[in-house]
Every structure is written in C-alpha cells, then in structure tokens.
C-alpha cells in the first residue's frame, strides 16, 4: 500500500512540474511565443553564420593573395641567386681554364727545352702567368739564352717571354 501511495505522489509531482513548465512556455515576455522566439534565434544564427562565412572567405582571399605575392618574390630571389651562381661558375671556369692554359704552356715550353739537346733544361725554371712566360736559371752561353727565348715564343698561347736566364760558362 505504501508503494501505491508513493507511486501516486511521484505522478502528482511530475504532472505538477510539467504543468508549471508548460505554463512558463506560454508566457510572453515581449509578446512572442516560444515558436516565434525559436524562429528568431534560428534567423540570428543563420545571419551570424553567413557573416562569419563571408569574413572567412575574405580572409582566405587575402591569405591567397599574400601567398601568391610571397611566392612571386621567392621565385624572383631564386632566379637571381641562380643567375649569380651561374656567373660565379663561369668566372671560376674561366680562371681554371686560364690556369690550365698557363700550366699547359709551361709544360710545353719545358718539353721543347728538353728536346733541344744543347740546352740543359734541368737548370731552367719556367713559369707562366696569363700567357707570359718567365725563364730563370742558368745557361752556358748568350746564344743558348736567345735560343731558349725563341723556343718559348714558339709555343702556342705564349703572349711574351721574360728571359731572366744568366749566362755562366760551365
């Protein structure tokens, strides 16, 4: 029996709470019903979402423009760096080529001096810079000093010969 009374009491309380809740829903603070308030809230939410979407779209466009500008600048810098690197490589290759040319001239002059049996090529040092051959060391006669100059001048690529050979009979 107590369980029946307890069950009825719970039902009465539930119905009373429901009635008060429904009565509160019918209250019109500003003359709008709950449905109208809900419609108004949905409308405000849609408007705010549209505004946020528009702002997001504007921001995305601005970010895209900024990215494109940054990429253009980066591309220009890469092209400039590549051009500079290319110029440096060409300059280095030219210097290396000149050094190889000078080394080739020196080797050819030395070889040609060795071929001349009357000249002691082991006593002659040959240096070449920018095609200018410098001969230093000793030879036994003035005629061999002149011949060494002629041998050096005959090598392809020689611009001039600076003969610093000294004559020592011996």
C-alpha atoms as a PDB file:
ATOM      1  CA  UNK A   1       0.000   0.000   0.000  1.00  0.00           C
ATOM      2  CA  UNK A   2       2.780   2.396   0.727  1.00  0.00           C
ATOM      3  CA  UNK A   3       4.179   1.694  -2.678  1.00  0.00           C
ATOM      4  CA  UNK A   4       0.898   2.720  -4.317  1.00  0.00           C
ATOM      5  CA  UNK A   5       0.826   5.950  -2.319  1.00  0.00           C
ATOM      6  CA  UNK A   6       4.427   6.605  -3.165  1.00  0.00           C
ATOM      7  CA  UNK A   7       3.808   5.966  -6.868  1.00  0.00           C
ATOM      8  CA  UNK A   8       0.798   8.309  -6.906  1.00  0.00           C
ATOM      9  CA  UNK A   9       2.770  11.016  -5.104  1.00  0.00           C
ATOM     10  CA  UNK A  10       5.544  10.811  -7.703  1.00  0.00           C
ATOM     11  CA  UNK A  11       2.973  11.032 -10.500  1.00  0.00           C
ATOM     12  CA  UNK A  12       1.314  14.060  -8.944  1.00  0.00           C
ATOM     13  CA  UNK A  13       4.651  15.811  -8.548  1.00  0.00           C
ATOM     14  CA  UNK A  14       5.632  15.029 -12.153  1.00  0.00           C
ATOM     15  CA  UNK A  15       2.324  16.313 -13.526  1.00  0.00           C
ATOM     16  CA  UNK A  16       2.603  19.486 -11.428  1.00  0.00           C
ATOM     17  CA  UNK A  17       6.145  20.154 -12.651  1.00  0.00           C
ATOM     18  CA  UNK A  18       5.051  19.576 -16.221  1.00  0.00           C
ATOM     19  CA  UNK A  19       2.130  21.948 -15.825  1.00  0.00           C
ATOM     20  CA  UNK A  20       4.344  24.684 -14.433  1.00  0.00           C
ATOM     21  CA  UNK A  21       6.804  24.149 -17.273  1.00  0.00           C
ATOM     22  CA  UNK A  22       4.101  24.398 -19.911  1.00  0.00           C
ATOM     23  CA  UNK A  23       2.645  27.471 -18.266  1.00  0.00           C
ATOM     24  CA  UNK A  24       6.074  29.114 -18.397  1.00  0.00           C
ATOM     25  CA  UNK A  25       6.376  28.365 -22.113  1.00  0.00           C
ATOM     26  CA  UNK A  26       3.138  30.177 -22.805  1.00  0.00           C
ATOM     27  CA  UNK A  27       4.382  33.320 -21.057  1.00  0.00           C
ATOM     28  CA  UNK A  28       5.038  36.091 -23.494  1.00  0.00           C
ATOM     29  CA  UNK A  29       7.735  38.465 -22.260  1.00  0.00           C
ATOM     30  CA  UNK A  30       7.752  40.574 -25.384  1.00  0.00           C
ATOM     31  CA  UNK A  31       4.606  39.348 -26.990  1.00  0.00           C
ATOM     32  CA  UNK A  32       6.345  36.492 -28.824  1.00  0.00           C
ATOM     33  CA  UNK A  33       5.526  32.867 -28.416  1.00  0.00           C
ATOM     34  CA  UNK A  34       8.215  30.226 -27.866  1.00  0.00           C
ATOM     35  CA  UNK A  35       7.983  29.216 -31.528  1.00  0.00           C
ATOM     36  CA  UNK A  36       8.494  32.812 -32.643  1.00  0.00           C
ATOM     37  CA  UNK A  37      11.469  33.131 -30.301  1.00  0.00           C
ATOM     38  CA  UNK A  38      12.921  29.927 -31.732  1.00  0.00           C
ATOM     39  CA  UNK A  39      12.423  31.179 -35.304  1.00  0.00           C
ATOM     40  CA  UNK A  40      14.087  34.473 -34.355  1.00  0.00           C
ATOM     41  CA  UNK A  41      17.031  32.671 -32.761  1.00  0.00           C
ATOM     42  CA  UNK A  42      17.456  30.476 -35.871  1.00  0.00           C
ATOM     43  CA  UNK A  43      17.349  33.546 -38.091  1.00  0.00           C
ATOM     44  CA  UNK A  44      20.008  35.308 -35.965  1.00  0.00           C
ATOM     45  CA  UNK A  45      22.171  32.174 -36.043  1.00  0.00           C
ATOM     46  CA  UNK A  46      21.883  31.906 -39.837  1.00  0.00           C
ATOM     47  CA  UNK A  47      22.770  35.584 -40.228  1.00  0.00           C
ATOM     48  CA  UNK A  48      25.807  35.210 -37.923  1.00  0.00           C
ATOM     49  CA  UNK A  49      26.922  32.090 -39.813  1.00  0.00           C
ATOM     50  CA  UNK A  50      26.609  33.884 -43.163  1.00  0.00           C
ATOM     51  CA  UNK A  51      28.594  36.841 -41.816  1.00  0.00           C
ATOM     52  CA  UNK A  52      31.302  34.551 -40.421  1.00  0.00           C
ATOM     53  CA  UNK A  53      31.426  32.668 -43.741  1.00  0.00           C
ATOM     54  CA  UNK A  54      31.811  35.922 -45.654  1.00  0.00           C
ATOM     55  CA  UNK A  55      34.600  37.067 -43.344  1.00  0.00           C
ATOM     56  CA  UNK A  56      36.285  33.686 -43.666  1.00  0.00           C
ATOM     57  CA  UNK A  57      36.048  33.901 -47.456  1.00  0.00           C
ATOM     58  CA  UNK A  58      37.537  37.424 -47.432  1.00  0.00           C
ATOM     59  CA  UNK A  59      40.350  36.258 -45.175  1.00  0.00           C
ATOM     60  CA  UNK A  60      41.024  33.278 -47.433  1.00  0.00           C
ATOM     61  CA  UNK A  61      41.231  35.563 -50.482  1.00  0.00           C
ATOM     62  CA  UNK A  62      43.626  37.898 -48.658  1.00  0.00           C
ATOM     63  CA  UNK A  63      45.736  34.952 -47.499  1.00  0.00           C
ATOM     64  CA  UNK A  64      45.797  33.593 -51.044  1.00  0.00           C
ATOM     65  CA  UNK A  65      46.895  36.971 -52.409  1.00  0.00           C
ATOM     66  CA  UNK A  66      49.610  37.267 -49.759  1.00  0.00           C
ATOM     67  CA  UNK A  67      50.813  33.741 -50.516  1.00  0.00           C
ATOM     68  CA  UNK A  68      50.928  34.438 -54.253  1.00  0.00           C
ATOM     69  CA  UNK A  69      52.917  37.629 -53.650  1.00  0.00           C
ATOM     70  CA  UNK A  70      55.328  35.818 -51.342  1.00  0.00           C
ATOM     71  CA  UNK A  71      55.786  33.023 -53.885  1.00  0.00           C
ATOM     72  CA  UNK A  72      56.443  35.560 -56.649  1.00  0.00           C
ATOM     73  CA  UNK A  73      59.098  37.254 -54.524  1.00  0.00           C
ATOM     74  CA  UNK A  74      60.657  33.922 -53.594  1.00  0.00           C
ATOM     75  CA  UNK A  75      60.717  32.920 -57.254  1.00  0.00           C
ATOM     76  CA  UNK A  76      62.432  36.163 -58.194  1.00  0.00           C
ATOM     77  CA  UNK A  77      65.039  35.628 -55.468  1.00  0.00           C
ATOM     78  CA  UNK A  78      65.658  32.068 -56.645  1.00  0.00           C
ATOM     79  CA  UNK A  79      66.148  33.227 -60.234  1.00  0.00           C
ATOM     80  CA  UNK A  80      68.502  35.977 -59.063  1.00  0.00           C
ATOM     81  CA  UNK A  81      70.506  33.537 -56.931  1.00  0.00           C
ATOM     82  CA  UNK A  82      70.708  31.084 -59.821  1.00  0.00           C
ATOM     83  CA  UNK A  83      71.941  33.840 -62.134  1.00  0.00           C
ATOM     84  CA  UNK A  84      74.593  34.862 -59.601  1.00  0.00           C
ATOM     85  CA  UNK A  85      75.679  31.256 -59.125  1.00  0.00           C
ATOM     86  CA  UNK A  86      75.913  30.784 -62.873  1.00  0.00           C
ATOM     87  CA  UNK A  87      78.041  33.908 -63.256  1.00  0.00           C
ATOM     88  CA  UNK A  88      80.352  32.759 -60.443  1.00  0.00           C
ATOM     89  CA  UNK A  89      80.681  29.329 -62.035  1.00  0.00           C
ATOM     90  CA  UNK A  90      81.541  30.866 -65.402  1.00  0.00           C
ATOM     91  CA  UNK A  91      84.084  33.148 -63.738  1.00  0.00           C
ATOM     92  CA  UNK A  92      85.614  30.205 -61.876  1.00  0.00           C
ATOM     93  CA  UNK A  93      85.707  28.121 -65.030  1.00  0.00           C
ATOM     94  CA  UNK A  94      87.455  30.946 -66.874  1.00  0.00           C
ATOM     95  CA  UNK A  95      90.058  31.224 -64.113  1.00  0.00           C
ATOM     96  CA  UNK A  96      90.516  27.458 -64.052  1.00  0.00           C
ATOM     97  CA  UNK A  97      90.800  27.459 -67.839  1.00  0.00           C
ATOM     98  CA  UNK A  98      93.436  30.200 -67.693  1.00  0.00           C
ATOM     99  CA  UNK A  99      95.371  28.282 -65.037  1.00  0.00           C
ATOM    100  CA  UNK A 100      95.191  25.134 -67.150  1.00  0.00           C
ATOM    101  CA  UNK A 101      96.294  27.108 -70.202  1.00  0.00           C
ATOM    102  CA  UNK A 102      99.259  28.508 -68.245  1.00  0.00           C
ATOM    103  CA  UNK A 103     100.163  25.044 -66.934  1.00  0.00           C
ATOM    104  CA  UNK A 104      99.923  23.660 -70.464  1.00  0.00           C
ATOM    105  CA  UNK A 105     102.167  26.409 -71.805  1.00  0.00           C
ATOM    106  CA  UNK A 106     104.709  25.783 -69.034  1.00  0.00           C
ATOM    107  CA  UNK A 107     104.712  22.047 -69.732  1.00  0.00           C
ATOM    108  CA  UNK A 108     105.132  22.587 -73.489  1.00  0.00           C
ATOM    109  CA  UNK A 109     107.974  25.087 -73.043  1.00  0.00           C
ATOM    110  CA  UNK A 110     109.772  22.664 -70.674  1.00  0.00           C
ATOM    111  CA  UNK A 111     109.259  19.779 -73.134  1.00  0.00           C
ATOM    112  CA  UNK A 112     110.599  21.831 -76.031  1.00  0.00           C
ATOM    113  CA  UNK A 113     113.611  22.938 -73.954  1.00  0.00           C
ATOM    114  CA  UNK A 114     114.360  19.254 -73.170  1.00  0.00           C
ATOM    115  CA  UNK A 115     114.221  18.462 -76.888  1.00  0.00           C
ATOM    116  CA  UNK A 116     116.985  20.985 -77.530  1.00  0.00           C
ATOM    117  CA  UNK A 117     119.952  18.813 -76.513  1.00  0.00           C
ATOM    118  CA  UNK A 118     122.400  21.720 -76.311  1.00  0.00           C
ATOM    119  CA  UNK A 119     120.281  23.402 -73.578  1.00  0.00           C
ATOM    120  CA  UNK A 120     120.367  21.943 -70.071  1.00  0.00           C
ATOM    121  CA  UNK A 121     116.620  22.195 -69.381  1.00  0.00           C
ATOM    122  CA  UNK A 122     117.103  20.960 -65.809  1.00  0.00           C
ATOM    123  CA  UNK A 123     118.812  24.274 -64.991  1.00  0.00           C
ATOM    124  CA  UNK A 124     115.957  26.394 -66.361  1.00  0.00           C
ATOM    125  CA  UNK A 125     112.793  27.160 -64.416  1.00  0.00           C
ATOM    126  CA  UNK A 126     109.694  28.053 -66.414  1.00  0.00           C
ATOM    127  CA  UNK A 127     106.703  29.920 -65.004  1.00  0.00           C
ATOM    128  CA  UNK A 128     103.671  31.128 -66.914  1.00  0.00           C
ATOM    129  CA  UNK A 129     101.055  33.640 -65.865  1.00  0.00           C
ATOM    130  CA  UNK A 130      98.371  34.877 -68.255  1.00  0.00           C
ATOM    131  CA  UNK A 131     100.445  33.647 -71.181  1.00  0.00           C
ATOM    132  CA  UNK A 132     103.605  35.484 -70.096  1.00  0.00           C
ATOM    133  CA  UNK A 133     106.486  33.004 -69.779  1.00  0.00           C
ATOM    134  CA  UNK A 134     109.308  33.769 -67.353  1.00  0.00           C
ATOM    135  CA  UNK A 135     112.584  31.883 -67.710  1.00  0.00           C
ATOM    136  CA  UNK A 136     115.025  31.783 -64.796  1.00  0.00           C
ATOM    137  CA  UNK A 137     118.177  29.780 -64.169  1.00  0.00           C
ATOM    138  CA  UNK A 138     121.490  29.451 -65.984  1.00  0.00           C
ATOM    139  CA  UNK A 139     122.731  28.650 -69.483  1.00  0.00           C
ATOM    140  CA  UNK A 140     126.345  28.302 -70.711  1.00  0.00           C
ATOM    141  CA  UNK A 141     126.177  30.981 -73.457  1.00  0.00           C
ATOM    142  CA  UNK A 142     124.351  34.059 -74.704  1.00  0.00           C
ATOM    143  CA  UNK A 143     123.352  32.125 -77.841  1.00  0.00           C
ATOM    144  CA  UNK A 144     121.573  29.479 -75.737  1.00  0.00           C
ATOM    145  CA  UNK A 145     119.845  32.228 -73.747  1.00  0.00           C
ATOM    146  CA  UNK A 146     118.475  33.605 -77.019  1.00  0.00           C
ATOM    147  CA  UNK A 147     117.563  30.126 -78.258  1.00  0.00           C
ATOM    148  CA  UNK A 148     115.599  29.461 -75.007  1.00  0.00           C
ATOM    149  CA  UNK A 149     113.617  32.646 -75.638  1.00  0.00           C
ATOM    150  CA  UNK A 150     112.867  31.576 -79.228  1.00  0.00           C
ATOM    151  CA  UNK A 151     111.775  28.094 -78.087  1.00  0.00           C
ATOM    152  CA  UNK A 152     109.413  29.629 -75.515  1.00  0.00           C
ATOM    153  CA  UNK A 153     107.990  32.161 -78.011  1.00  0.00           C
ATOM    154  CA  UNK A 154     107.211  29.346 -80.482  1.00  0.00           C
ATOM    155  CA  UNK A 155     104.764  27.648 -78.073  1.00  0.00           C
ATOM    156  CA  UNK A 156     101.094  28.272 -78.834  1.00  0.00           C
ATOM    157  CA  UNK A 157      99.425  30.629 -76.327  1.00  0.00           C
ATOM    158  CA  UNK A 158     102.592  32.472 -75.299  1.00  0.00           C
ATOM    159  CA  UNK A 159     101.971  36.208 -75.193  1.00  0.00           C
ATOM    160  CA  UNK A 160     105.525  37.220 -74.349  1.00  0.00           C
ATOM    161  CA  UNK A 161     108.731  35.863 -72.802  1.00  0.00           C
ATOM    162  CA  UNK A 162     110.601  37.432 -69.916  1.00  0.00           C
ATOM    163  CA  UNK A 163     114.077  35.939 -70.034  1.00  0.00           C
ATOM    164  CA  UNK A 164     115.942  36.199 -66.719  1.00  0.00           C
ATOM    165  CA  UNK A 165     118.463  33.496 -67.562  1.00  0.00           C
ATOM    166  CA  UNK A 166     122.029  34.213 -66.527  1.00  0.00           C
ATOM    167  CA  UNK A 167     124.973  33.122 -68.606  1.00  0.00           C
ATOM    168  CA  UNK A 168     127.558  31.030 -66.760  1.00  0.00           C
ATOM    169  CA  UNK A 169     130.117  29.055 -68.658  1.00  0.00           C
ATOM    170  CA  UNK A 170     130.427  25.676 -67.352  1.00  0.00           C
END
